[in-house]
Amino acid sequence: MITKLNLATNPFRNRVLPYLLAGLMFVASIAAGVFCLARLNENKKQNVLLATAIQERQKEIARLKGEGEKVQQLLTPDQKALLSASHKLVANKTFGWSRLFSDLEAVLPGSVSASRVAVNNIFQDGERIRAELELGVLSRDYPAVMAMIDNMNNSGLFQAELRGQDRQETERVTYTEYTFRVIYTPTYIYAAAPPTDIAQNQQGGGQ
């Protein structure tokens, strides 16, 4: 007796495994959905807490600002002047004069020399201390003065604006005094002058 097998019409089938895999995928998707929903709710709660904290800070800042304005209105002109002077005194104590002269020397070419430095104002801009200066320099070399302006404006420390020039003549030499309005912002990061100007500074210092 010969038994004929027809694998095409009677294949081996496992009816349990597909349902088992589908069930596992369904359970995994539900777990992932629950996890994502929990994280979403947690993020929403954190956003609400942060928004509430920001609103409270803004209200506190507005309240303090209002109290400050009320105090300013109660001050007499003499008290306001005293307050302004005290603020300027605090700024002066945090202002590095030696650093100012060092930074000026770094940007002045050898043929340009500082004749005077007058501080018109010292103020605080955010966390930085700035100074408004009136700077006078002497030079017989106009291109060197223009190079000095470029050095200052590219240094990140100075913003120089030419305000005037006064030609001076003596029996021996003729030179010009240039006057600048300068905003100086001291910082610990210094952008050096171009190499040609540095070499010129070294030559000028050796003369």
N, C-alpha and C. Protein backbone atom coordinates (compact mmCIF):
# COMPACT_ATOMS: atom_id res chain seq x y z
N MET A 1 0.85 -1.20 0.00
CA MET A 1 0.00 0.00 0.00
C MET A 1 0.88 1.24 0.00
N ILE A 2 0.66 2.10 -0.97
CA ILE A 2 1.49 3.30 -1.11
C ILE A 2 0.67 4.50 -0.70
N THR A 3 1.23 5.31 0.29
CA THR A 3 0.55 6.53 0.76
C THR A 3 1.12 7.72 0.04
N LYS A 4 0.24 8.45 -0.56
CA LYS A 4 0.67 9.65 -1.29
C LYS A 4 0.49 10.88 -0.40
N LEU A 5 1.57 11.68 -0.34
CA LEU A 5 1.53 12.93 0.42
C LEU A 5 1.46 14.10 -0.53
N ASN A 6 0.53 14.93 -0.31
CA ASN A 6 0.40 16.14 -1.12
C ASN A 6 0.67 17.34 -0.23
N LEU A 7 1.97 17.78 -0.20
CA LEU A 7 2.35 18.89 0.68
C LEU A 7 1.76 20.20 0.20
N ALA A 8 1.44 20.28 -1.05
CA ALA A 8 0.88 21.54 -1.57
C ALA A 8 -0.53 21.77 -1.07
N THR A 9 -1.33 20.67 -0.99
CA THR A 9 -2.71 20.82 -0.56
C THR A 9 -2.87 20.66 0.94
N ASN A 10 -1.89 20.02 1.60
CA ASN A 10 -1.98 19.82 3.05
C ASN A 10 -0.67 20.27 3.71
N PRO A 11 -0.38 21.58 3.73
CA PRO A 11 0.87 22.04 4.37
C PRO A 11 0.78 21.95 5.89
N PHE A 12 1.98 21.97 6.51
CA PHE A 12 2.04 21.98 7.97
C PHE A 12 1.67 23.38 8.46
N ARG A 13 0.75 23.47 9.33
CA ARG A 13 0.28 24.76 9.82
C ARG A 13 0.32 24.80 11.35
N ASN A 14 0.81 25.97 11.88
CA ASN A 14 0.79 26.22 13.33
C ASN A 14 -0.17 27.37 13.56
N ARG A 15 -1.36 27.05 14.00
CA ARG A 15 -2.39 28.06 14.16
C ARG A 15 -2.20 28.90 15.42
N VAL A 16 -1.40 28.47 16.37
CA VAL A 16 -1.25 29.19 17.65
C VAL A 16 -0.23 30.30 17.55
N LEU A 17 0.89 30.07 16.86
CA LEU A 17 2.00 31.03 16.83
C LEU A 17 1.61 32.40 16.27
N PRO A 18 0.89 32.49 15.17
CA PRO A 18 0.52 33.83 14.68
C PRO A 18 -0.32 34.62 15.66
N TYR A 19 -1.28 33.93 16.31
CA TYR A 19 -2.10 34.63 17.30
C TYR A 19 -1.27 35.05 18.50
N LEU A 20 -0.31 34.21 18.86
CA LEU A 20 0.55 34.55 20.00
C LEU A 20 1.39 35.78 19.69
N LEU A 21 1.98 35.83 18.49
CA LEU A 21 2.79 37.00 18.11
C LEU A 21 1.94 38.26 18.02
N ALA A 22 0.75 38.12 17.47
CA ALA A 22 -0.14 39.28 17.37
C ALA A 22 -0.53 39.78 18.75
N GLY A 23 -0.78 38.84 19.67
CA GLY A 23 -1.12 39.23 21.03
C GLY A 23 0.02 39.96 21.72
N LEU A 24 1.26 39.45 21.51
CA LEU A 24 2.42 40.11 22.11
C LEU A 24 2.61 41.52 21.55
N MET A 25 2.44 41.68 20.24
CA MET A 25 2.58 43.00 19.63
C MET A 25 1.49 43.95 20.13
N PHE A 26 0.31 43.43 20.31
CA PHE A 26 -0.78 44.27 20.81
C PHE A 26 -0.50 44.73 22.23
N VAL A 27 -0.03 43.80 23.08
CA VAL A 27 0.30 44.16 24.46
C VAL A 27 1.45 45.18 24.49
N ALA A 28 2.46 44.97 23.63
CA ALA A 28 3.59 45.90 23.59
C ALA A 28 3.14 47.29 23.15
N SER A 29 2.26 47.36 22.16
CA SER A 29 1.77 48.66 21.69
C SER A 29 0.97 49.37 22.77
N ILE A 30 0.17 48.60 23.52
CA ILE A 30 -0.60 49.21 24.61
C ILE A 30 0.35 49.75 25.68
N ALA A 31 1.39 48.97 26.01
CA ALA A 31 2.35 49.42 27.03
C ALA A 31 3.07 50.68 26.57
N ALA A 32 3.47 50.69 25.27
CA ALA A 32 4.14 51.88 24.75
C ALA A 32 3.20 53.08 24.76
N GLY A 33 1.96 52.89 24.42
CA GLY A 33 0.99 53.99 24.44
C GLY A 33 0.77 54.54 25.84
N VAL A 34 0.68 53.61 26.82
CA VAL A 34 0.50 54.06 28.20
C VAL A 34 1.72 54.84 28.67
N PHE A 35 2.93 54.38 28.30
CA PHE A 35 4.16 55.07 28.69
C PHE A 35 4.21 56.48 28.08
N CYS A 36 3.90 56.55 26.77
CA CYS A 36 3.93 57.86 26.11
C CYS A 36 2.88 58.81 26.71
N LEU A 37 1.72 58.27 27.02
CA LEU A 37 0.68 59.10 27.62
C LEU A 37 1.11 59.61 29.00
N ALA A 38 1.78 58.75 29.78
CA ALA A 38 2.26 59.17 31.09
C ALA A 38 3.32 60.26 30.97
N ARG A 39 4.24 60.09 30.01
CA ARG A 39 5.27 61.11 29.81
C ARG A 39 4.65 62.42 29.34
N LEU A 40 3.64 62.33 28.48
CA LEU A 40 2.98 63.53 27.99
C LEU A 40 2.29 64.28 29.13
N ASN A 41 1.62 63.54 29.99
CA ASN A 41 0.97 64.18 31.14
C ASN A 41 2.01 64.80 32.08
N GLU A 42 3.14 64.11 32.25
CA GLU A 42 4.19 64.65 33.12
C GLU A 42 4.77 65.93 32.54
N ASN A 43 5.00 65.95 31.22
CA ASN A 43 5.52 67.16 30.57
C ASN A 43 4.52 68.31 30.68
N LYS A 44 3.23 68.01 30.54
CA LYS A 44 2.22 69.05 30.68
C LYS A 44 2.23 69.65 32.09
N LYS A 45 2.36 68.77 33.10
CA LYS A 45 2.42 69.26 34.48
C LYS A 45 3.64 70.15 34.69
N GLN A 46 4.80 69.74 34.14
CA GLN A 46 6.00 70.54 34.29
C GLN A 46 5.86 71.88 33.59
N ASN A 47 5.25 71.89 32.40
CA ASN A 47 5.03 73.14 31.68
C ASN A 47 4.13 74.08 32.48
N VAL A 48 3.10 73.52 33.09
CA VAL A 48 2.20 74.34 33.91
C VAL A 48 2.96 74.93 35.10
N LEU A 49 3.78 74.11 35.76
CA LEU A 49 4.56 74.60 36.90
C LEU A 49 5.53 75.69 36.48
N LEU A 50 6.21 75.49 35.34
CA LEU A 50 7.16 76.50 34.87
C LEU A 50 6.45 77.79 34.50
N ALA A 51 5.29 77.67 33.83
CA ALA A 51 4.55 78.88 33.46
C ALA A 51 4.09 79.64 34.70
N THR A 52 3.66 78.90 35.71
CA THR A 52 3.25 79.54 36.96
C THR A 52 4.42 80.25 37.64
N ALA A 53 5.58 79.57 37.65
CA ALA A 53 6.77 80.17 38.26
C ALA A 53 7.19 81.44 37.51
N ILE A 54 7.13 81.40 36.18
CA ILE A 54 7.50 82.58 35.39
C ILE A 54 6.55 83.73 35.67
N GLN A 55 5.26 83.44 35.75
CA GLN A 55 4.29 84.50 36.05
C GLN A 55 4.54 85.10 37.42
N GLU A 56 4.88 84.26 38.39
CA GLU A 56 5.16 84.77 39.73
C GLU A 56 6.41 85.65 39.72
N ARG A 57 7.45 85.21 38.98
CA ARG A 57 8.67 86.03 38.90
C ARG A 57 8.36 87.37 38.23
N GLN A 58 7.58 87.34 37.15
CA GLN A 58 7.26 88.59 36.47
C GLN A 58 6.46 89.53 37.36
N LYS A 59 5.54 88.98 38.13
CA LYS A 59 4.79 89.80 39.07
C LYS A 59 5.70 90.40 40.13
N GLU A 60 6.64 89.60 40.63
CA GLU A 60 7.57 90.10 41.65
C GLU A 60 8.48 91.19 41.08
N ILE A 61 8.94 90.98 39.83
CA ILE A 61 9.78 92.00 39.20
C ILE A 61 9.00 93.30 38.99
N ALA A 62 7.74 93.16 38.54
CA ALA A 62 6.91 94.35 38.35
C ALA A 62 6.66 95.07 39.68
N ARG A 63 6.46 94.29 40.74
CA ARG A 63 6.22 94.90 42.06
C ARG A 63 7.46 95.65 42.54
N LEU A 64 8.63 95.01 42.40
CA LEU A 64 9.87 95.67 42.83
C LEU A 64 10.17 96.90 41.97
N LYS A 65 9.88 96.80 40.67
CA LYS A 65 10.09 97.96 39.80
C LYS A 65 9.19 99.11 40.21
N GLY A 66 7.92 98.78 40.53
CA GLY A 66 7.00 99.82 40.97
C GLY A 66 7.46 100.47 42.26
N GLU A 67 7.95 99.65 43.21
CA GLU A 67 8.45 100.21 44.47
C GLU A 67 9.67 101.08 44.23
N GLY A 68 10.53 100.64 43.31
CA GLY A 68 11.70 101.46 42.99
C GLY A 68 11.33 102.80 42.39
N GLU A 69 10.33 102.80 41.51
CA GLU A 69 9.88 104.06 40.92
C GLU A 69 9.27 104.98 41.97
N LYS A 70 8.53 104.38 42.93
CA LYS A 70 7.97 105.20 44.01
C LYS A 70 9.07 105.83 44.85
N VAL A 71 10.11 105.04 45.13
CA VAL A 71 11.23 105.57 45.91
C VAL A 71 11.92 106.69 45.14
N GLN A 72 12.10 106.51 43.82
CA GLN A 72 12.74 107.54 43.01
C GLN A 72 11.92 108.84 43.04
N GLN A 73 10.61 108.72 43.03
CA GLN A 73 9.77 109.91 43.05
C GLN A 73 9.85 110.64 44.39
N LEU A 74 10.13 109.89 45.45
CA LEU A 74 10.21 110.51 46.78
C LEU A 74 11.55 111.19 47.02
N LEU A 75 12.56 110.88 46.19
CA LEU A 75 13.88 111.45 46.41
C LEU A 75 13.91 112.92 45.99
N THR A 76 14.64 113.70 46.75
CA THR A 76 14.88 115.09 46.38
C THR A 76 15.96 115.14 45.30
N PRO A 77 16.11 116.25 44.58
CA PRO A 77 17.18 116.36 43.57
C PRO A 77 18.56 116.10 44.16
N ASP A 78 18.82 116.55 45.38
CA ASP A 78 20.12 116.29 46.00
C ASP A 78 20.31 114.80 46.27
N GLN A 79 19.26 114.14 46.70
CA GLN A 79 19.37 112.70 46.96
C GLN A 79 19.56 111.92 45.66
N LYS A 80 18.90 112.37 44.59
CA LYS A 80 19.10 111.71 43.30
C LYS A 80 20.53 111.88 42.81
N ALA A 81 21.07 113.09 43.00
CA ALA A 81 22.46 113.32 42.60
C ALA A 81 23.41 112.46 43.42
N LEU A 82 23.12 112.33 44.73
CA LEU A 82 23.95 111.50 45.60
C LEU A 82 23.87 110.04 45.19
N LEU A 83 22.68 109.58 44.82
CA LEU A 83 22.51 108.19 44.38
C LEU A 83 23.28 107.93 43.09
N SER A 84 23.20 108.88 42.14
CA SER A 84 23.94 108.74 40.89
C SER A 84 25.44 108.72 41.14
N ALA A 85 25.89 109.58 42.06
CA ALA A 85 27.32 109.62 42.37
C ALA A 85 27.77 108.32 43.03
N SER A 86 26.92 107.75 43.88
CA SER A 86 27.30 106.50 44.54
C SER A 86 27.38 105.35 43.53
N HIS A 87 26.46 105.34 42.55
CA HIS A 87 26.52 104.32 41.50
C HIS A 87 27.80 104.47 40.69
N LYS A 88 28.16 105.71 40.38
CA LYS A 88 29.38 105.93 39.62
C LYS A 88 30.61 105.53 40.44
N LEU A 89 30.56 105.75 41.76
CA LEU A 89 31.68 105.35 42.62
C LEU A 89 31.85 103.84 42.61
N VAL A 90 30.72 103.11 42.67
CA VAL A 90 30.80 101.66 42.60
C VAL A 90 31.39 101.22 41.27
N ALA A 91 30.98 101.88 40.18
CA ALA A 91 31.54 101.54 38.87
C ALA A 91 33.02 101.85 38.82
N ASN A 92 33.44 102.95 39.43
CA ASN A 92 34.86 103.30 39.44
C ASN A 92 35.70 102.24 40.15
N LYS A 93 35.15 101.68 41.22
CA LYS A 93 35.91 100.67 41.97
C LYS A 93 36.08 99.39 41.18
N THR A 94 35.15 99.10 40.27
CA THR A 94 35.25 97.90 39.46
C THR A 94 35.92 98.16 38.12
N PHE A 95 36.38 99.38 37.91
CA PHE A 95 36.99 99.75 36.64
C PHE A 95 38.50 99.63 36.74
N GLY A 96 39.12 98.93 35.80
CA GLY A 96 40.56 98.71 35.84
C GLY A 96 41.32 99.74 35.03
N TRP A 97 41.87 100.74 35.72
CA TRP A 97 42.59 101.79 34.99
C TRP A 97 43.87 101.26 34.38
N SER A 98 44.57 100.41 35.10
CA SER A 98 45.80 99.86 34.53
C SER A 98 45.49 99.04 33.28
N ARG A 99 44.35 98.34 33.30
CA ARG A 99 43.95 97.56 32.12
C ARG A 99 43.62 98.49 30.95
N LEU A 100 43.02 99.64 31.24
CA LEU A 100 42.70 100.60 30.18
C LEU A 100 43.97 101.06 29.48
N PHE A 101 44.98 101.47 30.26
CA PHE A 101 46.21 101.97 29.65
C PHE A 101 46.95 100.86 28.90
N SER A 102 46.87 99.65 29.42
CA SER A 102 47.50 98.52 28.73
C SER A 102 46.80 98.24 27.40
N ASP A 103 45.48 98.28 27.40
CA ASP A 103 44.73 98.04 26.17
C ASP A 103 44.95 99.18 25.16
N LEU A 104 45.05 100.41 25.64
CA LEU A 104 45.34 101.52 24.74
C LEU A 104 46.71 101.36 24.09
N GLU A 105 47.68 100.99 24.88
CA GLU A 105 49.04 100.83 24.36
C GLU A 105 49.08 99.74 23.29
N ALA A 106 48.23 98.73 23.44
CA ALA A 106 48.23 97.61 22.50
C ALA A 106 47.69 98.01 21.12
N VAL A 107 46.83 99.01 21.07
CA VAL A 107 46.22 99.38 19.78
C VAL A 107 46.84 100.63 19.17
N LEU A 108 47.73 101.32 19.89
CA LEU A 108 48.35 102.52 19.34
C LEU A 108 49.58 102.15 18.52
N PRO A 109 49.64 102.55 17.25
CA PRO A 109 50.86 102.34 16.46
C PRO A 109 52.03 103.12 17.05
N GLY A 110 53.21 102.77 16.63
CA GLY A 110 54.40 103.40 17.20
C GLY A 110 54.51 104.88 16.94
N SER A 111 53.94 105.35 15.83
CA SER A 111 54.04 106.78 15.50
C SER A 111 52.89 107.60 16.07
N VAL A 112 52.06 106.98 16.90
CA VAL A 112 50.93 107.69 17.53
C VAL A 112 51.10 107.58 19.04
N SER A 113 50.97 108.71 19.73
CA SER A 113 51.10 108.70 21.19
C SER A 113 49.89 109.39 21.81
N ALA A 114 49.45 108.86 22.94
CA ALA A 114 48.31 109.45 23.63
C ALA A 114 48.74 110.71 24.36
N SER A 115 47.98 111.78 24.19
CA SER A 115 48.29 113.04 24.85
C SER A 115 47.45 113.26 26.10
N ARG A 116 46.21 112.76 26.09
CA ARG A 116 45.33 112.92 27.24
C ARG A 116 44.20 111.91 27.16
N VAL A 117 43.70 111.54 28.33
CA VAL A 117 42.56 110.64 28.44
C VAL A 117 41.64 111.22 29.52
N ALA A 118 40.44 111.57 29.14
CA ALA A 118 39.46 112.10 30.08
C ALA A 118 38.26 111.17 30.11
N VAL A 119 37.84 110.81 31.31
CA VAL A 119 36.69 109.92 31.48
C VAL A 119 35.45 110.79 31.68
N ASN A 120 34.54 110.74 30.71
CA ASN A 120 33.31 111.52 30.81
C ASN A 120 32.23 110.81 31.60
N ASN A 121 32.21 109.49 31.50
CA ASN A 121 31.14 108.74 32.19
C ASN A 121 31.56 107.29 32.31
N ILE A 122 31.15 106.66 33.42
CA ILE A 122 31.31 105.23 33.63
C ILE A 122 29.95 104.68 33.97
N PHE A 123 29.52 103.67 33.23
CA PHE A 123 28.18 103.14 33.45
C PHE A 123 28.22 101.62 33.30
N GLN A 124 27.18 101.01 33.84
CA GLN A 124 27.06 99.56 33.77
C GLN A 124 26.00 99.20 32.75
N ASP A 125 26.38 98.36 31.79
CA ASP A 125 25.48 97.89 30.74
C ASP A 125 25.30 96.39 30.92
N GLY A 126 24.21 96.00 31.60
CA GLY A 126 24.04 94.59 31.95
C GLY A 126 25.06 94.18 32.99
N GLU A 127 25.87 93.20 32.66
CA GLU A 127 26.91 92.74 33.57
C GLU A 127 28.26 93.35 33.24
N ARG A 128 28.32 94.25 32.27
CA ARG A 128 29.59 94.84 31.84
C ARG A 128 29.69 96.29 32.28
N ILE A 129 30.90 96.69 32.57
CA ILE A 129 31.21 98.08 32.88
C ILE A 129 31.76 98.73 31.62
N ARG A 130 31.18 99.85 31.24
CA ARG A 130 31.64 100.60 30.07
C ARG A 130 32.04 102.00 30.50
N ALA A 131 32.94 102.60 29.74
CA ALA A 131 33.39 103.95 30.02
C ALA A 131 33.36 104.77 28.75
N GLU A 132 32.87 105.99 28.87
CA GLU A 132 32.90 106.94 27.76
C GLU A 132 34.12 107.85 27.95
N LEU A 133 35.03 107.80 27.03
CA LEU A 133 36.29 108.51 27.15
C LEU A 133 36.40 109.61 26.10
N GLU A 134 37.19 110.62 26.44
CA GLU A 134 37.65 111.59 25.45
C GLU A 134 39.16 111.38 25.33
N LEU A 135 39.58 110.91 24.18
CA LEU A 135 40.97 110.53 23.97
C LEU A 135 41.63 111.50 23.00
N GLY A 136 42.79 111.99 23.36
CA GLY A 136 43.60 112.82 22.48
C GLY A 136 44.90 112.12 22.14
N VAL A 137 45.27 112.14 20.87
CA VAL A 137 46.52 111.52 20.44
C VAL A 137 47.29 112.50 19.56
N LEU A 138 48.60 112.34 19.55
CA LEU A 138 49.48 113.17 18.74
C LEU A 138 50.15 112.31 17.69
N SER A 139 50.22 112.84 16.46
CA SER A 139 50.88 112.08 15.40
C SER A 139 51.17 113.00 14.23
N ARG A 140 52.24 112.66 13.52
CA ARG A 140 52.54 113.32 12.25
C ARG A 140 52.18 112.43 11.07
N ASP A 141 51.65 111.26 11.36
CA ASP A 141 51.36 110.26 10.34
C ASP A 141 49.86 109.98 10.32
N TYR A 142 49.15 110.61 9.36
CA TYR A 142 47.69 110.44 9.30
C TYR A 142 47.28 108.99 9.01
N PRO A 143 47.93 108.27 8.10
CA PRO A 143 47.56 106.86 7.90
C PRO A 143 47.70 106.02 9.16
N ALA A 144 48.69 106.35 10.00
CA ALA A 144 48.85 105.60 11.25
C ALA A 144 47.67 105.85 12.18
N VAL A 145 47.13 107.07 12.16
CA VAL A 145 45.96 107.37 12.97
C VAL A 145 44.75 106.58 12.47
N MET A 146 44.61 106.48 11.14
CA MET A 146 43.51 105.69 10.58
C MET A 146 43.67 104.20 10.94
N ALA A 147 44.93 103.73 10.93
CA ALA A 147 45.19 102.35 11.34
C ALA A 147 44.86 102.14 12.80
N MET A 148 45.11 103.16 13.62
CA MET A 148 44.77 103.07 15.03
C MET A 148 43.25 102.94 15.21
N ILE A 149 42.48 103.70 14.43
CA ILE A 149 41.02 103.61 14.52
C ILE A 149 40.56 102.21 14.15
N ASP A 150 41.15 101.64 13.09
CA ASP A 150 40.78 100.28 12.70
C ASP A 150 41.14 99.29 13.80
N ASN A 151 42.32 99.45 14.39
CA ASN A 151 42.74 98.57 15.47
C ASN A 151 41.76 98.63 16.64
N MET A 152 41.34 99.83 17.00
CA MET A 152 40.45 100.00 18.14
C MET A 152 39.08 99.37 17.87
N ASN A 153 38.53 99.66 16.67
CA ASN A 153 37.20 99.15 16.37
C ASN A 153 37.17 97.65 16.13
N ASN A 154 38.31 97.06 15.78
CA ASN A 154 38.39 95.61 15.56
C ASN A 154 38.83 94.86 16.81
N SER A 155 39.19 95.57 17.86
CA SER A 155 39.71 94.91 19.06
C SER A 155 38.62 94.29 19.91
N GLY A 156 37.37 94.77 19.77
CA GLY A 156 36.31 94.32 20.66
C GLY A 156 36.31 95.04 21.99
N LEU A 157 37.25 95.97 22.18
CA LEU A 157 37.36 96.72 23.44
C LEU A 157 36.95 98.18 23.28
N PHE A 158 37.23 98.74 22.10
CA PHE A 158 37.02 100.17 21.89
C PHE A 158 36.08 100.41 20.71
N GLN A 159 35.31 101.49 20.82
CA GLN A 159 34.55 102.03 19.70
C GLN A 159 34.96 103.49 19.57
N ALA A 160 35.75 103.78 18.56
CA ALA A 160 36.35 105.11 18.43
C ALA A 160 35.65 105.92 17.35
N GLU A 161 35.45 107.21 17.65
CA GLU A 161 34.82 108.13 16.71
C GLU A 161 35.63 109.43 16.71
N LEU A 162 36.16 109.79 15.55
CA LEU A 162 36.96 111.01 15.44
C LEU A 162 36.07 112.22 15.58
N ARG A 163 36.45 113.11 16.50
CA ARG A 163 35.65 114.31 16.77
C ARG A 163 36.33 115.60 16.28
N GLY A 164 37.63 115.60 16.17
CA GLY A 164 38.30 116.82 15.72
C GLY A 164 39.79 116.62 15.61
N GLN A 165 40.44 117.58 14.95
CA GLN A 165 41.89 117.55 14.81
C GLN A 165 42.42 118.98 14.82
N ASP A 166 43.59 119.12 15.41
CA ASP A 166 44.19 120.45 15.59
C ASP A 166 45.65 120.37 15.17
N ARG A 167 45.99 121.06 14.09
CA ARG A 167 47.35 121.05 13.57
C ARG A 167 48.23 121.98 14.39
N GLN A 168 49.37 121.47 14.80
CA GLN A 168 50.30 122.24 15.62
C GLN A 168 51.64 122.35 14.89
N GLU A 169 52.20 123.56 14.87
CA GLU A 169 53.48 123.78 14.20
C GLU A 169 54.46 124.43 15.16
N THR A 170 55.65 123.89 15.19
CA THR A 170 56.74 124.48 15.96
C THR A 170 57.92 124.72 15.01
N GLU A 171 59.01 125.22 15.57
CA GLU A 171 60.17 125.49 14.74
C GLU A 171 60.78 124.21 14.19
N ARG A 172 60.63 123.13 14.92
CA ARG A 172 61.28 121.88 14.52
C ARG A 172 60.33 120.88 13.86
N VAL A 173 59.15 120.73 14.42
CA VAL A 173 58.24 119.68 13.92
C VAL A 173 56.85 120.25 13.72
N THR A 174 56.11 119.52 12.89
CA THR A 174 54.69 119.81 12.69
C THR A 174 53.91 118.53 12.98
N TYR A 175 52.93 118.62 13.83
CA TYR A 175 52.14 117.44 14.19
C TYR A 175 50.68 117.87 14.35
N THR A 176 49.84 116.87 14.53
CA THR A 176 48.40 117.11 14.67
C THR A 176 47.89 116.37 15.89
N GLU A 177 47.06 117.06 16.66
CA GLU A 177 46.39 116.40 17.78
C GLU A 177 44.98 116.02 17.34
N TYR A 178 44.67 114.74 17.47
CA TYR A 178 43.36 114.21 17.09
C TYR A 178 42.56 113.91 18.36
N THR A 179 41.30 114.29 18.34
CA THR A 179 40.42 114.07 19.49
C THR A 179 39.36 113.03 19.11
N PHE A 180 39.15 112.07 20.00
CA PHE A 180 38.21 110.98 19.75
C PHE A 180 37.23 110.85 20.91
N ARG A 181 36.05 110.44 20.57
CA ARG A 181 35.09 109.94 21.55
C ARG A 181 35.18 108.41 21.50
N VAL A 182 35.44 107.81 22.65
CA VAL A 182 35.70 106.37 22.70
C VAL A 182 34.80 105.73 23.75
N ILE A 183 34.19 104.61 23.39
CA ILE A 183 33.48 103.76 24.34
C ILE A 183 34.37 102.56 24.61
N TYR A 184 34.76 102.41 25.85
CA TYR A 184 35.69 101.34 26.24
C TYR A 184 34.94 100.30 27.06
N THR A 185 35.08 99.03 26.66
CA THR A 185 34.43 97.92 27.36
C THR A 185 35.51 96.91 27.74
N PRO A 186 35.99 96.96 28.97
CA PRO A 186 37.03 96.00 29.37
C PRO A 186 36.49 94.58 29.39
N THR A 187 37.33 93.67 28.99
CA THR A 187 36.95 92.26 28.99
C THR A 187 38.20 91.43 29.13
N TYR A 188 38.04 90.17 29.51
CA TYR A 188 39.18 89.28 29.66
C TYR A 188 39.58 88.63 28.35
N ILE A 189 38.74 88.79 27.30
CA ILE A 189 39.06 88.24 25.99
C ILE A 189 39.48 89.40 25.10
N TYR A 190 40.69 89.34 24.58
CA TYR A 190 41.22 90.46 23.82
C TYR A 190 41.55 90.00 22.41
N ALA A 191 41.02 90.71 21.43
CA ALA A 191 41.35 90.44 20.04
C ALA A 191 42.57 91.26 19.67
N ALA A 192 43.67 90.61 19.38
CA ALA A 192 44.93 91.30 19.15
C ALA A 192 44.88 92.12 17.89
N ALA A 193 45.75 93.14 17.84
CA ALA A 193 45.85 93.98 16.66
C ALA A 193 46.50 93.20 15.54
N PRO A 194 46.39 93.67 14.28
CA PRO A 194 47.03 92.98 13.16
C PRO A 194 48.52 92.88 13.37
N PRO A 195 49.19 91.84 12.81
CA PRO A 195 50.61 91.62 13.04
C PRO A 195 51.46 92.79 12.64
N THR A 196 51.10 93.51 11.53
CA THR A 196 51.92 94.63 11.10
C THR A 196 51.92 95.73 12.14
N ASP A 197 50.78 95.96 12.76
CA ASP A 197 50.70 97.01 13.78
C ASP A 197 51.43 96.60 15.03
N ILE A 198 51.39 95.29 15.37
CA ILE A 198 52.13 94.82 16.55
C ILE A 198 53.62 95.03 16.34
N ALA A 199 54.10 94.71 15.12
CA ALA A 199 55.51 94.92 14.84
C ALA A 199 55.85 96.39 14.91
N GLN A 200 54.93 97.23 14.44
CA GLN A 200 55.17 98.67 14.49
C GLN A 200 55.21 99.16 15.92
N ASN A 201 54.35 98.57 16.80
CA ASN A 201 54.38 98.92 18.21
C ASN A 201 55.73 98.56 18.82
N GLN A 202 56.23 97.36 18.47
CA GLN A 202 57.51 96.95 19.04
C GLN A 202 58.64 97.84 18.58
N GLN A 203 58.58 98.25 17.27
CA GLN A 203 59.62 99.15 16.77
C GLN A 203 59.53 100.50 17.46
N GLY A 204 58.28 100.97 17.64
CA GLY A 204 58.11 102.26 18.30
C GLY A 204 58.58 102.23 19.74
N GLY A 205 58.36 101.06 20.43
CA GLY A 205 58.79 100.96 21.82
C GLY A 205 60.28 100.92 21.95
N GLY A 206 60.96 100.42 20.88
CA GLY A 206 62.41 100.34 20.98
C GLY A 206 63.08 101.62 20.67
N GLN A 207 62.36 102.59 20.06
CA GLN A 207 63.00 103.85 19.69
C GLN A 207 63.19 104.78 20.85
